[in-house]
Amino acid sequence: MTPPMTVPSTTAATGNEQLLRSAGGGDERAWAEIVERYRGLVSAVVRSYRLQDADAHDAEQRTWLRLVEHRDSLRDPERLGGWLATTASRECLRMLRESRAVVTDELDAVPDPNRAVEDRVVDADTVSRLWGIVAALPPRGRTIMMELFAEEPRPYAEVARATGIPIGSLGPSRARLVERVRRSFDSGVVVGV
């Protein structure tokens, strides 16, 4: 009599490469293990962009979808956390671009009769270029710029907690970021990213 065959379980000791291979073969436990390991990381990256709840949920779901789509082509599966963080960040930026496009379309639908067309085009181009430069900043710098230059800026203490930067360093960080954005805008290229 042969001993019963046992199905290997996916444990915390299982490497990402094996988990991805098993998940690709349809092992639901492997997918569950991957999600369990990295759910907090993906959520934290998405939360740092302060998207609306529905958009944040979509960004997280898109991140996991990208993993399903690219699981076989990851160069270094053991660095899956970094890949997921980068992918989540890109998905958030995509959500921001999409929402900005909707707002821009809505604003363009109601022209201001008191402004010349040329002025509106120049302003729209300026805003678009500035958003592009800010979007290309590293995540922490992008968060600082978005928080401190929002229509209703948050207090330094809240921004310090959100970014992990000591409150006394926010002013100098802000000044460096403003200068970086100014140089990028003036030169027409993204500086230092």
Protein backbone atom coordinates (compact mmCIF):
# COMPACT_ATOMS: atom_id res chain seq x y z
CA MET A 1 0.00 0.00 0.00
CA THR A 2 1.37 3.40 -0.95
CA PRO A 3 1.16 6.30 1.52
CA PRO A 4 -1.47 8.94 0.74
CA MET A 5 -0.26 11.84 -1.34
CA THR A 6 -0.08 15.14 0.53
CA VAL A 7 -0.47 18.53 -1.03
CA PRO A 8 2.31 20.89 0.00
CA SER A 9 1.02 23.94 1.81
CA THR A 10 2.15 27.45 1.06
CA THR A 11 3.79 28.89 4.14
CA ALA A 12 5.59 32.07 5.01
CA ALA A 13 8.85 30.23 4.25
CA THR A 14 7.86 29.68 0.62
CA GLY A 15 9.71 32.03 -1.74
CA ASN A 16 7.93 34.46 -4.00
CA GLU A 17 9.13 32.66 -7.12
CA GLN A 18 7.53 29.39 -6.00
CA LEU A 19 4.37 31.18 -4.87
CA LEU A 20 4.03 32.95 -8.22
CA ARG A 21 4.61 29.69 -10.09
CA SER A 22 2.00 27.91 -7.95
CA ALA A 23 -0.44 30.80 -8.28
CA GLY A 24 0.02 30.78 -12.04
CA GLY A 25 -0.88 27.10 -11.99
CA GLY A 26 -4.17 27.87 -10.28
CA ASP A 27 -3.22 27.37 -6.62
CA GLU A 28 -5.61 29.67 -4.76
CA ARG A 29 -3.67 29.24 -1.52
CA ALA A 30 -0.57 30.63 -3.23
CA TRP A 31 -2.51 33.72 -4.38
CA ALA A 32 -3.93 34.10 -0.88
CA GLU A 33 -0.42 33.94 0.59
CA ILE A 34 0.89 36.58 -1.83
CA VAL A 35 -2.02 38.89 -1.07
CA GLU A 36 -1.63 38.31 2.67
CA ARG A 37 2.09 39.14 2.53
CA TYR A 38 1.76 42.31 0.49
CA ARG A 39 -1.76 43.67 1.07
CA GLY A 40 -0.55 46.11 3.74
CA LEU A 41 2.24 47.42 1.52
CA VAL A 42 -0.06 47.99 -1.46
CA SER A 43 -2.67 49.67 0.76
CA ALA A 44 -0.06 51.94 2.37
CA VAL A 45 1.29 53.09 -0.99
CA VAL A 46 -2.23 53.78 -2.28
CA ARG A 47 -3.24 55.62 0.93
CA SER A 48 -0.21 57.90 0.57
CA TYR A 49 -1.82 59.37 -2.56
CA ARG A 50 -4.99 60.31 -0.65
CA LEU A 51 -7.34 59.23 -3.43
CA GLN A 52 -11.09 59.08 -2.92
CA ASP A 53 -12.17 55.71 -1.51
CA ALA A 54 -13.49 54.34 -4.80
CA ASP A 55 -10.36 55.43 -6.68
CA ALA A 56 -8.10 53.99 -3.97
CA HIS A 57 -9.94 50.66 -4.19
CA ASP A 58 -9.59 50.70 -7.99
CA ALA A 59 -5.85 51.47 -7.74
CA GLU A 60 -5.35 48.52 -5.38
CA GLN A 61 -7.35 46.20 -7.64
CA ARG A 62 -5.42 47.36 -10.71
CA THR A 63 -2.16 46.67 -8.88
CA TRP A 64 -3.18 43.08 -8.20
CA LEU A 65 -4.42 42.72 -11.78
CA ARG A 66 -1.02 43.88 -13.08
CA LEU A 67 0.61 41.18 -10.94
CA VAL A 68 -1.66 38.54 -12.49
CA GLU A 69 -0.80 39.86 -15.96
CA HIS A 70 2.97 40.03 -15.35
CA ARG A 71 3.61 37.22 -12.85
CA ASP A 72 5.61 35.22 -15.40
CA SER A 73 7.75 38.13 -16.56
CA LEU A 74 9.01 39.50 -13.22
CA ARG A 75 12.80 39.75 -13.37
CA ASP A 76 13.35 39.17 -9.66
CA PRO A 77 10.35 37.57 -7.91
CA GLU A 78 12.10 37.87 -4.55
CA ARG A 79 11.76 41.65 -4.88
CA LEU A 80 8.03 41.39 -5.38
CA GLY A 81 7.37 43.96 -2.65
CA GLY A 82 9.26 46.65 -4.54
CA TRP A 83 7.54 45.71 -7.78
CA LEU A 84 4.12 45.93 -6.13
CA ALA A 85 4.95 49.28 -4.49
CA THR A 86 6.10 50.74 -7.81
CA THR A 87 3.07 49.33 -9.62
CA ALA A 88 0.68 50.68 -6.96
CA SER A 89 2.31 54.09 -7.27
CA ARG A 90 1.94 54.04 -11.05
CA GLU A 91 -1.70 53.01 -10.76
CA CYS A 92 -2.36 55.90 -8.35
CA LEU A 93 -0.70 58.33 -10.74
CA ARG A 94 -2.83 56.92 -13.55
CA MET A 95 -5.95 57.48 -11.41
CA LEU A 96 -4.85 61.05 -10.68
CA ARG A 97 -4.23 61.73 -14.38
CA GLU A 98 -7.62 60.27 -15.28
CA SER A 99 -9.43 62.32 -12.64
CA ARG A 100 -7.51 65.46 -13.63
CA ALA A 101 -8.53 64.88 -17.25
CA VAL A 102 -12.19 64.65 -16.19
CA VAL A 103 -11.94 67.86 -14.14
CA THR A 104 -10.13 69.62 -16.98
CA ASP A 105 -12.79 68.48 -19.45
CA GLU A 106 -15.53 69.76 -17.14
CA LEU A 107 -13.78 73.11 -16.65
CA ASP A 108 -13.20 73.47 -20.38
CA ALA A 109 -16.90 72.90 -21.02
CA VAL A 110 -17.72 76.20 -19.25
CA PRO A 111 -15.58 78.89 -20.88
CA ASP A 112 -15.04 82.20 -19.14
CA PRO A 113 -16.27 84.83 -21.60
CA ASN A 114 -14.10 87.50 -19.97
CA ARG A 115 -10.80 85.79 -20.80
CA ALA A 116 -9.10 85.59 -24.15
CA VAL A 117 -8.71 82.12 -25.66
CA GLU A 118 -4.94 82.56 -25.75
CA ASP A 119 -4.82 83.22 -21.99
CA ARG A 120 -6.86 80.11 -21.26
CA VAL A 121 -4.61 77.96 -23.45
CA VAL A 122 -1.45 79.31 -21.80
CA ASP A 123 -2.92 78.74 -18.31
CA ALA A 124 -4.03 75.20 -19.18
CA ASP A 125 -0.59 74.42 -20.61
CA THR A 126 1.12 75.82 -17.51
CA VAL A 127 -1.06 73.78 -15.16
CA SER A 128 -0.54 70.65 -17.24
CA ARG A 129 3.25 71.09 -17.25
CA LEU A 130 3.33 71.73 -13.49
CA TRP A 131 1.20 68.61 -12.80
CA GLY A 132 3.54 66.59 -14.99
CA ILE A 133 6.58 67.81 -13.06
CA VAL A 134 4.94 67.18 -9.67
CA ALA A 135 3.79 63.72 -10.80
CA ALA A 136 7.40 62.83 -11.68
CA LEU A 137 8.70 63.69 -8.19
CA PRO A 138 9.52 60.85 -5.80
CA PRO A 139 6.43 59.79 -3.76
CA ARG A 140 7.37 61.73 -0.62
CA GLY A 141 8.12 64.92 -2.55
CA ARG A 142 4.93 64.57 -4.54
CA THR A 143 2.94 64.18 -1.31
CA ILE A 144 4.56 67.29 0.19
CA MET A 145 3.77 69.38 -2.89
CA MET A 146 0.19 68.15 -3.17
CA GLU A 147 -0.52 68.64 0.55
CA LEU A 148 1.11 72.04 1.04
CA PHE A 149 -0.13 73.57 -2.22
CA ALA A 150 -3.68 72.21 -2.25
CA GLU A 151 -6.64 74.58 -2.32
CA GLU A 152 -6.99 73.87 1.38
CA PRO A 153 -3.45 73.06 2.53
CA ARG A 154 -3.12 70.73 5.50
CA PRO A 155 -1.21 71.84 8.61
CA TYR A 156 2.49 71.04 8.69
CA ALA A 157 1.94 68.59 11.58
CA GLU A 158 -0.44 66.48 9.46
CA VAL A 159 1.86 66.58 6.43
CA ALA A 160 4.79 65.59 8.68
CA ARG A 161 2.85 62.54 9.91
CA ALA A 162 1.77 61.60 6.37
CA THR A 163 5.29 61.81 4.93
CA GLY A 164 7.37 60.72 7.91
CA ILE A 165 9.43 63.91 7.66
CA PRO A 166 10.09 65.77 10.92
CA ILE A 167 8.03 68.94 11.10
CA GLY A 168 11.19 71.07 11.31
CA SER A 169 12.42 69.62 8.01
CA LEU A 170 9.23 70.30 6.04
CA GLY A 171 10.05 73.95 5.34
CA PRO A 172 13.51 73.20 3.91
CA SER A 173 12.13 70.16 2.02
CA ARG A 174 9.35 72.34 0.61
CA ALA A 175 11.86 74.99 -0.49
CA ARG A 176 14.05 72.38 -2.24
CA LEU A 177 11.02 70.89 -3.99
CA VAL A 178 9.76 74.30 -5.14
CA GLU A 179 13.21 75.08 -6.54
CA ARG A 180 13.34 71.67 -8.26
CA VAL A 181 9.91 72.22 -9.83
CA ARG A 182 10.88 75.77 -10.86
CA ARG A 183 14.10 74.54 -12.56
CA SER A 184 12.18 71.77 -14.32
CA PHE A 185 9.50 74.19 -15.47
CA ASP A 186 11.98 76.79 -16.68
CA SER A 187 14.15 74.29 -18.53
CA GLY A 188 11.25 72.32 -19.95
CA VAL A 189 12.69 69.02 -18.66
CA VAL A 190 12.15 67.09 -15.45
CA VAL A 191 15.14 67.77 -13.17
CA GLY A 192 16.63 65.17 -10.87
CA VAL A 193 13.96 62.50 -11.23
